[in-house]
Amino acid sequence: MSDAELKQYFLKHRGDQAALQAYLNRINQRPLRIIASPEDPDFDEKVHAAIRQKLKAARSSSGEQANTGFEPNEQE
């Protein structure tokens, strides 16, 4: 079962503790992805870019334009 399938299964069967544990184990096995360190002069832009990328990926995987209420502008 893929990570996405396991997540969907757990969301439909929230009382299944084994499914929750399996999902958490998979998440905890993933390597941490460091976007930027706090000392990085481009910290804000790197974080905003990562958020935009994540939103874009979520929209394309769902096949629709999600209204997240968060659309960062280039000056933030």
PDB file of N, CA and C in Angstrom:
ATOM      1  N   MET A   1       0.857  -1.169   0.000  1.00  0.00           N
ATOM      2  CA  MET A   1       0.000   0.000   0.000  1.00  0.00           C
ATOM      3  C   MET A   1       0.909   1.239   0.000  1.00  0.00           C
ATOM      4  N   SER A   2       0.594   2.193  -0.852  1.00  0.00           N
ATOM      5  CA  SER A   2       1.401   3.413  -0.911  1.00  0.00           C
ATOM      6  C   SER A   2       1.124   4.295   0.307  1.00  0.00           C
ATOM      7  N   ASP A   3       1.977   5.280   0.507  1.00  0.00           N
ATOM      8  CA  ASP A   3       1.769   6.227   1.616  1.00  0.00           C
ATOM      9  C   ASP A   3       0.426   6.928   1.478  1.00  0.00           C
ATOM     10  N   ALA A   4       0.105   7.349   0.252  1.00  0.00           N
ATOM     11  CA  ALA A   4      -1.160   8.055   0.018  1.00  0.00           C
ATOM     12  C   ALA A   4      -2.352   7.145   0.302  1.00  0.00           C
ATOM     13  N   GLU A   5      -2.261   5.890  -0.115  1.00  0.00           N
ATOM     14  CA  GLU A   5      -3.350   4.940   0.139  1.00  0.00           C
ATOM     15  C   GLU A   5      -3.500   4.674   1.631  1.00  0.00           C
ATOM     16  N   LEU A   6      -2.378   4.549   2.327  1.00  0.00           N
ATOM     17  CA  LEU A   6      -2.433   4.320   3.771  1.00  0.00           C
ATOM     18  C   LEU A   6      -3.058   5.521   4.478  1.00  0.00           C
ATOM     19  N   LYS A   7      -2.685   6.713   4.037  1.00  0.00           N
ATOM     20  CA  LYS A   7      -3.264   7.919   4.632  1.00  0.00           C
ATOM     21  C   LYS A   7      -4.778   7.952   4.405  1.00  0.00           C
ATOM     22  N   GLN A   8      -5.210   7.674   3.179  1.00  0.00           N
ATOM     23  CA  GLN A   8      -6.644   7.674   2.890  1.00  0.00           C
ATOM     24  C   GLN A   8      -7.373   6.602   3.707  1.00  0.00           C
ATOM     25  N   TYR A   9      -6.752   5.427   3.837  1.00  0.00           N
ATOM     26  CA  TYR A   9      -7.353   4.371   4.644  1.00  0.00           C
ATOM     27  C   TYR A   9      -7.521   4.839   6.085  1.00  0.00           C
ATOM     28  N   PHE A  10      -6.456   5.419   6.643  1.00  0.00           N
ATOM     29  CA  PHE A  10      -6.541   5.867   8.029  1.00  0.00           C
ATOM     30  C   PHE A  10      -7.609   6.945   8.198  1.00  0.00           C
ATOM     31  N   LEU A  11      -7.690   7.879   7.248  1.00  0.00           N
ATOM     32  CA  LEU A  11      -8.683   8.946   7.355  1.00  0.00           C
ATOM     33  C   LEU A  11     -10.114   8.391   7.337  1.00  0.00           C
ATOM     34  N   LYS A  12     -10.313   7.287   6.648  1.00  0.00           N
ATOM     35  CA  LYS A  12     -11.639   6.661   6.606  1.00  0.00           C
ATOM     36  C   LYS A  12     -11.891   5.744   7.803  1.00  0.00           C
ATOM     37  N   HIS A  13     -10.805   5.268   8.435  1.00  0.00           N
ATOM     38  CA  HIS A  13     -10.906   4.336   9.560  1.00  0.00           C
ATOM     39  C   HIS A  13     -10.100   4.875  10.737  1.00  0.00           C
ATOM     40  N   ARG A  14     -10.529   6.016  11.248  1.00  0.00           N
ATOM     41  CA  ARG A  14      -9.769   6.715  12.287  1.00  0.00           C
ATOM     42  C   ARG A  14      -9.602   5.922  13.576  1.00  0.00           C
ATOM     43  N   GLY A  15     -10.417   4.955  13.794  1.00  0.00           N
ATOM     44  CA  GLY A  15     -10.294   4.154  15.005  1.00  0.00           C
ATOM     45  C   GLY A  15      -9.277   3.024  14.885  1.00  0.00           C
ATOM     46  N   ASP A  16      -8.731   2.823  13.710  1.00  0.00           N
ATOM     47  CA  ASP A  16      -7.778   1.737  13.470  1.00  0.00           C
ATOM     48  C   ASP A  16      -6.389   2.179  13.947  1.00  0.00           C
ATOM     49  N   GLN A  17      -6.048   1.795  15.161  1.00  0.00           N
ATOM     50  CA  GLN A  17      -4.782   2.196  15.766  1.00  0.00           C
ATOM     51  C   GLN A  17      -3.577   1.626  15.027  1.00  0.00           C
ATOM     52  N   ALA A  18      -3.717   0.429  14.473  1.00  0.00           N
ATOM     53  CA  ALA A  18      -2.605  -0.179  13.729  1.00  0.00           C
ATOM     54  C   ALA A  18      -2.312   0.625  12.463  1.00  0.00           C
ATOM     55  N   ALA A  19      -3.349   1.103  11.808  1.00  0.00           N
ATOM     56  CA  ALA A  19      -3.163   1.929  10.607  1.00  0.00           C
ATOM     57  C   ALA A  19      -2.496   3.248  10.977  1.00  0.00           C
ATOM     58  N   LEU A  20      -2.914   3.850  12.083  1.00  0.00           N
ATOM     59  CA  LEU A  20      -2.291   5.092  12.537  1.00  0.00           C
ATOM     60  C   LEU A  20      -0.815   4.850  12.837  1.00  0.00           C
ATOM     61  N   GLN A  21      -0.504   3.788  13.532  1.00  0.00           N
ATOM     62  CA  GLN A  21       0.888   3.501  13.873  1.00  0.00           C
ATOM     63  C   GLN A  21       1.725   3.251  12.628  1.00  0.00           C
ATOM     64  N   ALA A  22       1.164   2.525  11.661  1.00  0.00           N
ATOM     65  CA  ALA A  22       1.885   2.264  10.411  1.00  0.00           C
ATOM     66  C   ALA A  22       2.145   3.567   9.658  1.00  0.00           C
ATOM     67  N   TYR A  23       1.156   4.445   9.626  1.00  0.00           N
ATOM     68  CA  TYR A  23       1.317   5.736   8.942  1.00  0.00           C
ATOM     69  C   TYR A  23       2.375   6.590   9.644  1.00  0.00           C
ATOM     70  N   LEU A  24       2.319   6.662  10.955  1.00  0.00           N
ATOM     71  CA  LEU A  24       3.302   7.445  11.705  1.00  0.00           C
ATOM     72  C   LEU A  24       4.706   6.869  11.542  1.00  0.00           C
ATOM     73  N   ASN A  25       4.825   5.546  11.519  1.00  0.00           N
ATOM     74  CA  ASN A  25       6.133   4.920  11.306  1.00  0.00           C
ATOM     75  C   ASN A  25       6.708   5.304   9.950  1.00  0.00           C
ATOM     76  N   ARG A  26       5.869   5.317   8.925  1.00  0.00           N
ATOM     77  CA  ARG A  26       6.349   5.706   7.599  1.00  0.00           C
ATOM     78  C   ARG A  26       6.791   7.163   7.572  1.00  0.00           C
ATOM     79  N   ILE A  27       6.008   8.023   8.179  1.00  0.00           N
ATOM     80  CA  ILE A  27       6.356   9.449   8.199  1.00  0.00           C
ATOM     81  C   ILE A  27       7.673   9.665   8.938  1.00  0.00           C
ATOM     82  N   ASN A  28       7.849   8.986  10.053  1.00  0.00           N
ATOM     83  CA  ASN A  28       9.060   9.161  10.858  1.00  0.00           C
ATOM     84  C   ASN A  28      10.304   8.574  10.194  1.00  0.00           C
ATOM     85  N   GLN A  29      10.136   7.689   9.228  1.00  0.00           N
ATOM     86  CA  GLN A  29      11.275   7.113   8.519  1.00  0.00           C
ATOM     87  C   GLN A  29      11.794   8.020   7.408  1.00  0.00           C
ATOM     88  N   ARG A  30      11.000   9.004   7.017  1.00  0.00           N
ATOM     89  CA  ARG A  30      11.415   9.908   5.947  1.00  0.00           C
ATOM     90  C   ARG A  30      12.527  10.825   6.448  1.00  0.00           C
ATOM     91  N   PRO A  31      13.495  11.098   5.592  1.00  0.00           N
ATOM     92  CA  PRO A  31      14.543  12.043   6.004  1.00  0.00           C
ATOM     93  C   PRO A  31      13.980  13.452   6.125  1.00  0.00           C
ATOM     94  N   LEU A  32      14.497  14.185   7.088  1.00  0.00           N
ATOM     95  CA  LEU A  32      14.065  15.567   7.258  1.00  0.00           C
ATOM     96  C   LEU A  32      14.619  16.410   6.120  1.00  0.00           C
ATOM     97  N   ARG A  33      13.804  17.300   5.628  1.00  0.00           N
ATOM     98  CA  ARG A  33      14.224  18.185   4.551  1.00  0.00           C
ATOM     99  C   ARG A  33      14.387  19.583   5.122  1.00  0.00           C
ATOM    100  N   ILE A  34      15.609  20.069   5.170  1.00  0.00           N
ATOM    101  CA  ILE A  34      15.869  21.398   5.711  1.00  0.00           C
ATOM    102  C   ILE A  34      15.804  22.400   4.568  1.00  0.00           C
ATOM    103  N   ILE A  35      14.917  23.358   4.692  1.00  0.00           N
ATOM    104  CA  ILE A  35      14.707  24.365   3.653  1.00  0.00           C
ATOM    105  C   ILE A  35      15.746  25.468   3.764  1.00  0.00           C
ATOM    106  N   ALA A  36      15.940  25.970   4.966  1.00  0.00           N
ATOM    107  CA  ALA A  36      16.902  27.046   5.217  1.00  0.00           C
ATOM    108  C   ALA A  36      17.159  27.125   6.716  1.00  0.00           C
ATOM    109  N   SER A  37      18.310  27.653   7.073  1.00  0.00           N
ATOM    110  CA  SER A  37      18.598  27.856   8.490  1.00  0.00           C
ATOM    111  C   SER A  37      18.170  29.277   8.865  1.00  0.00           C
ATOM    112  N   PRO A  38      17.876  29.521  10.124  1.00  0.00           N
ATOM    113  CA  PRO A  38      17.437  30.860  10.543  1.00  0.00           C
ATOM    114  C   PRO A  38      18.451  31.960  10.221  1.00  0.00           C
ATOM    115  N   GLU A  39      19.712  31.602  10.109  1.00  0.00           N
ATOM    116  CA  GLU A  39      20.737  32.603   9.819  1.00  0.00           C
ATOM    117  C   GLU A  39      20.820  32.934   8.330  1.00  0.00           C
ATOM    118  N   ASP A  40      20.161  32.163   7.500  1.00  0.00           N
ATOM    119  CA  ASP A  40      20.206  32.362   6.053  1.00  0.00           C
ATOM    120  C   ASP A  40      19.572  33.707   5.690  1.00  0.00           C
ATOM    121  N   PRO A  41      20.279  34.569   4.940  1.00  0.00           N
ATOM    122  CA  PRO A  41      19.716  35.876   4.585  1.00  0.00           C
ATOM    123  C   PRO A  41      18.474  35.765   3.696  1.00  0.00           C
ATOM    124  N   ASP A  42      18.308  34.651   2.993  1.00  0.00           N
ATOM    125  CA  ASP A  42      17.135  34.446   2.136  1.00  0.00           C
ATOM    126  C   ASP A  42      16.113  33.520   2.796  1.00  0.00           C
ATOM    127  N   PHE A  43      16.127  33.456   4.111  1.00  0.00           N
ATOM    128  CA  PHE A  43      15.263  32.536   4.855  1.00  0.00           C
ATOM    129  C   PHE A  43      13.796  32.696   4.459  1.00  0.00           C
ATOM    130  N   ASP A  44      13.270  33.920   4.526  1.00  0.00           N
ATOM    131  CA  ASP A  44      11.846  34.139   4.242  1.00  0.00           C
ATOM    132  C   ASP A  44      11.480  33.704   2.827  1.00  0.00           C
ATOM    133  N   GLU A  45      12.276  34.085   1.862  1.00  0.00           N
ATOM    134  CA  GLU A  45      11.967  33.728   0.480  1.00  0.00           C
ATOM    135  C   GLU A  45      12.025  32.218   0.269  1.00  0.00           C
ATOM    136  N   LYS A  46      12.977  31.551   0.884  1.00  0.00           N
ATOM    137  CA  LYS A  46      13.082  30.097   0.737  1.00  0.00           C
ATOM    138  C   LYS A  46      11.877  29.387   1.359  1.00  0.00           C
ATOM    139  N   VAL A  47      11.439  29.877   2.499  1.00  0.00           N
ATOM    140  CA  VAL A  47      10.265  29.280   3.153  1.00  0.00           C
ATOM    141  C   VAL A  47       9.020  29.520   2.305  1.00  0.00           C
ATOM    142  N   HIS A  48       8.846  30.750   1.815  1.00  0.00           N
ATOM    143  CA  HIS A  48       7.689  31.048   0.969  1.00  0.00           C
ATOM    144  C   HIS A  48       7.717  30.226  -0.317  1.00  0.00           C
ATOM    145  N   ALA A  49       8.874  30.058  -0.908  1.00  0.00           N
ATOM    146  CA  ALA A  49       8.989  29.254  -2.119  1.00  0.00           C
ATOM    147  C   ALA A  49       8.607  27.800  -1.840  1.00  0.00           C
ATOM    148  N   ALA A  50       9.030  27.275  -0.698  1.00  0.00           N
ATOM    149  CA  ALA A  50       8.690  25.902  -0.327  1.00  0.00           C
ATOM    150  C   ALA A  50       7.183  25.756  -0.116  1.00  0.00           C
ATOM    151  N   ILE A  51       6.557  26.762   0.485  1.00  0.00           N
ATOM    152  CA  ILE A  51       5.110  26.732   0.691  1.00  0.00           C
ATOM    153  C   ILE A  51       4.386  26.769  -0.650  1.00  0.00           C
ATOM    154  N   ARG A  52       4.828  27.662  -1.541  1.00  0.00           N
ATOM    155  CA  ARG A  52       4.207  27.746  -2.874  1.00  0.00           C
ATOM    156  C   ARG A  52       4.347  26.415  -3.612  1.00  0.00           C
ATOM    157  N   GLN A  53       5.518  25.788  -3.523  1.00  0.00           N
ATOM    158  CA  GLN A  53       5.749  24.512  -4.191  1.00  0.00           C
ATOM    159  C   GLN A  53       4.826  23.431  -3.625  1.00  0.00           C
ATOM    160  N   LYS A  54       4.673  23.411  -2.312  1.00  0.00           N
ATOM    161  CA  LYS A  54       3.813  22.418  -1.674  1.00  0.00           C
ATOM    162  C   LYS A  54       2.350  22.624  -2.082  1.00  0.00           C
ATOM    163  N   LEU A  55       1.904  23.883  -2.117  1.00  0.00           N
ATOM    164  CA  LEU A  55       0.539  24.184  -2.542  1.00  0.00           C
ATOM    165  C   LEU A  55       0.309  23.774  -3.993  1.00  0.00           C
ATOM    166  N   LYS A  56       1.268  24.067  -4.852  1.00  0.00           N
ATOM    167  CA  LYS A  56       1.158  23.713  -6.262  1.00  0.00           C
ATOM    168  C   LYS A  56       1.072  22.201  -6.427  1.00  0.00           C
ATOM    169  N   ALA A  57       1.899  21.467  -5.700  1.00  0.00           N
ATOM    170  CA  ALA A  57       1.880  20.011  -5.777  1.00  0.00           C
ATOM    171  C   ALA A  57       0.547  19.460  -5.280  1.00  0.00           C
ATOM    172  N   ALA A  58       0.020  20.042  -4.213  1.00  0.00           N
ATOM    173  CA  ALA A  58      -1.258  19.578  -3.674  1.00  0.00           C
ATOM    174  C   ALA A  58      -2.389  19.845  -4.658  1.00  0.00           C
ATOM    175  N   ARG A  59      -2.346  21.001  -5.288  1.00  0.00           N
ATOM    176  CA  ARG A  59      -3.386  21.337  -6.272  1.00  0.00           C
ATOM    177  C   ARG A  59      -3.325  20.413  -7.473  1.00  0.00           C
ATOM    178  N   SER A  60      -2.133  20.154  -7.973  1.00  0.00           N
ATOM    179  CA  SER A  60      -2.019  19.313  -9.163  1.00  0.00           C
ATOM    180  C   SER A  60      -2.362  17.863  -8.850  1.00  0.00           C
ATOM    181  N   SER A  61      -2.062  17.393  -7.647  1.00  0.00           N
ATOM    182  CA  SER A  61      -2.396  16.011  -7.302  1.00  0.00           C
ATOM    183  C   SER A  61      -3.887  15.834  -7.061  1.00  0.00           C
ATOM    184  N   SER A  62      -4.559  16.898  -6.619  1.00  0.00           N
ATOM    185  CA  SER A  62      -5.998  16.786  -6.401  1.00  0.00           C
ATOM    186  C   SER A  62      -6.783  17.080  -7.665  1.00  0.00           C
ATOM    187  N   GLY A  63      -6.105  17.643  -8.667  1.00  0.00           N
ATOM    188  CA  GLY A  63      -6.767  17.923  -9.929  1.00  0.00           C
ATOM    189  C   GLY A  63      -7.670  19.129  -9.901  1.00  0.00           C
ATOM    190  N   GLU A  64      -7.541  19.933  -8.865  1.00  0.00           N
ATOM    191  CA  GLU A  64      -8.378  21.130  -8.771  1.00  0.00           C
ATOM    192  C   GLU A  64      -7.612  22.245  -8.105  1.00  0.00           C
ATOM    193  N   GLN A  65      -8.119  23.431  -8.232  1.00  0.00           N
ATOM    194  CA  GLN A  65      -7.514  24.594  -7.602  1.00  0.00           C
ATOM    195  C   GLN A  65      -8.119  24.744  -6.214  1.00  0.00           C
ATOM    196  N   ALA A  66      -7.363  24.381  -5.207  1.00  0.00           N
ATOM    197  CA  ALA A  66      -7.843  24.493  -3.827  1.00  0.00           C
ATOM    198  C   ALA A  66      -7.795  25.937  -3.379  1.00  0.00           C
ATOM    199  N   ASN A  67      -8.815  26.368  -2.663  1.00  0.00           N
ATOM    200  CA  ASN A  67      -8.837  27.717  -2.102  1.00  0.00           C
ATOM    201  C   ASN A  67      -8.306  27.614  -0.689  1.00  0.00           C
ATOM    202  N   THR A  68      -7.019  27.890  -0.534  1.00  0.00           N
ATOM    203  CA  THR A  68      -6.380  27.726   0.765  1.00  0.00           C
ATOM    204  C   THR A  68      -6.479  28.971   1.624  1.00  0.00           C
ATOM    205  N   GLY A  69      -6.799  30.100   1.004  1.00  0.00           N
ATOM    206  CA  GLY A  69      -6.814  31.345   1.749  1.00  0.00           C
ATOM    207  C   GLY A  69      -5.428  31.910   1.952  1.00  0.00           C
ATOM    208  N   PHE A  70      -4.430  31.228   1.402  1.00  0.00           N
ATOM    209  CA  PHE A  70      -3.051  31.696   1.547  1.00  0.00           C
ATOM    210  C   PHE A  70      -2.429  31.766   0.176  1.00  0.00           C
ATOM    211  N   GLU A  71      -2.191  32.938  -0.287  1.00  0.00           N
ATOM    212  CA  GLU A  71      -1.500  33.151  -1.550  1.00  0.00           C
ATOM    213  C   GLU A  71      -0.396  34.152  -1.281  1.00  0.00           C
ATOM    214  N   PRO A  72       0.803  33.686  -0.959  1.00  0.00           N
ATOM    215  CA  PRO A  72       1.880  34.625  -0.648  1.00  0.00           C
ATOM    216  C   PRO A  72       2.228  35.484  -1.853  1.00  0.00           C
ATOM    217  N   ASN A  73       2.497  36.737  -1.569  1.00  0.00           N
ATOM    218  CA  ASN A  73       2.914  37.581  -2.692  1.00  0.00           C
ATOM    219  C   ASN A  73       4.431  37.660  -2.695  1.00  0.00           C
ATOM    220  N   GLU A  74       4.963  38.209  -3.727  1.00  0.00           N
ATOM    221  CA  GLU A  74       6.412  38.232  -3.914  1.00  0.00           C
ATOM    222  C   GLU A  74       7.121  39.150  -2.932  1.00  0.00           C
ATOM    223  N   GLN A  75       6.399  40.033  -2.230  1.00  0.00           N
ATOM    224  CA  GLN A  75       7.040  41.006  -1.360  1.00  0.00           C
ATOM    225  C   GLN A  75       7.051  40.579   0.087  1.00  0.00           C
ATOM    226  N   GLU A  76       6.429  39.452   0.403  1.00  0.00           N
ATOM    227  CA  GLU A  76       6.409  39.008   1.807  1.00  0.00           C
ATOM    228  C   GLU A  76       7.761  38.526   2.243  1.00  0.00           C
TER     229      GLU A  76
END
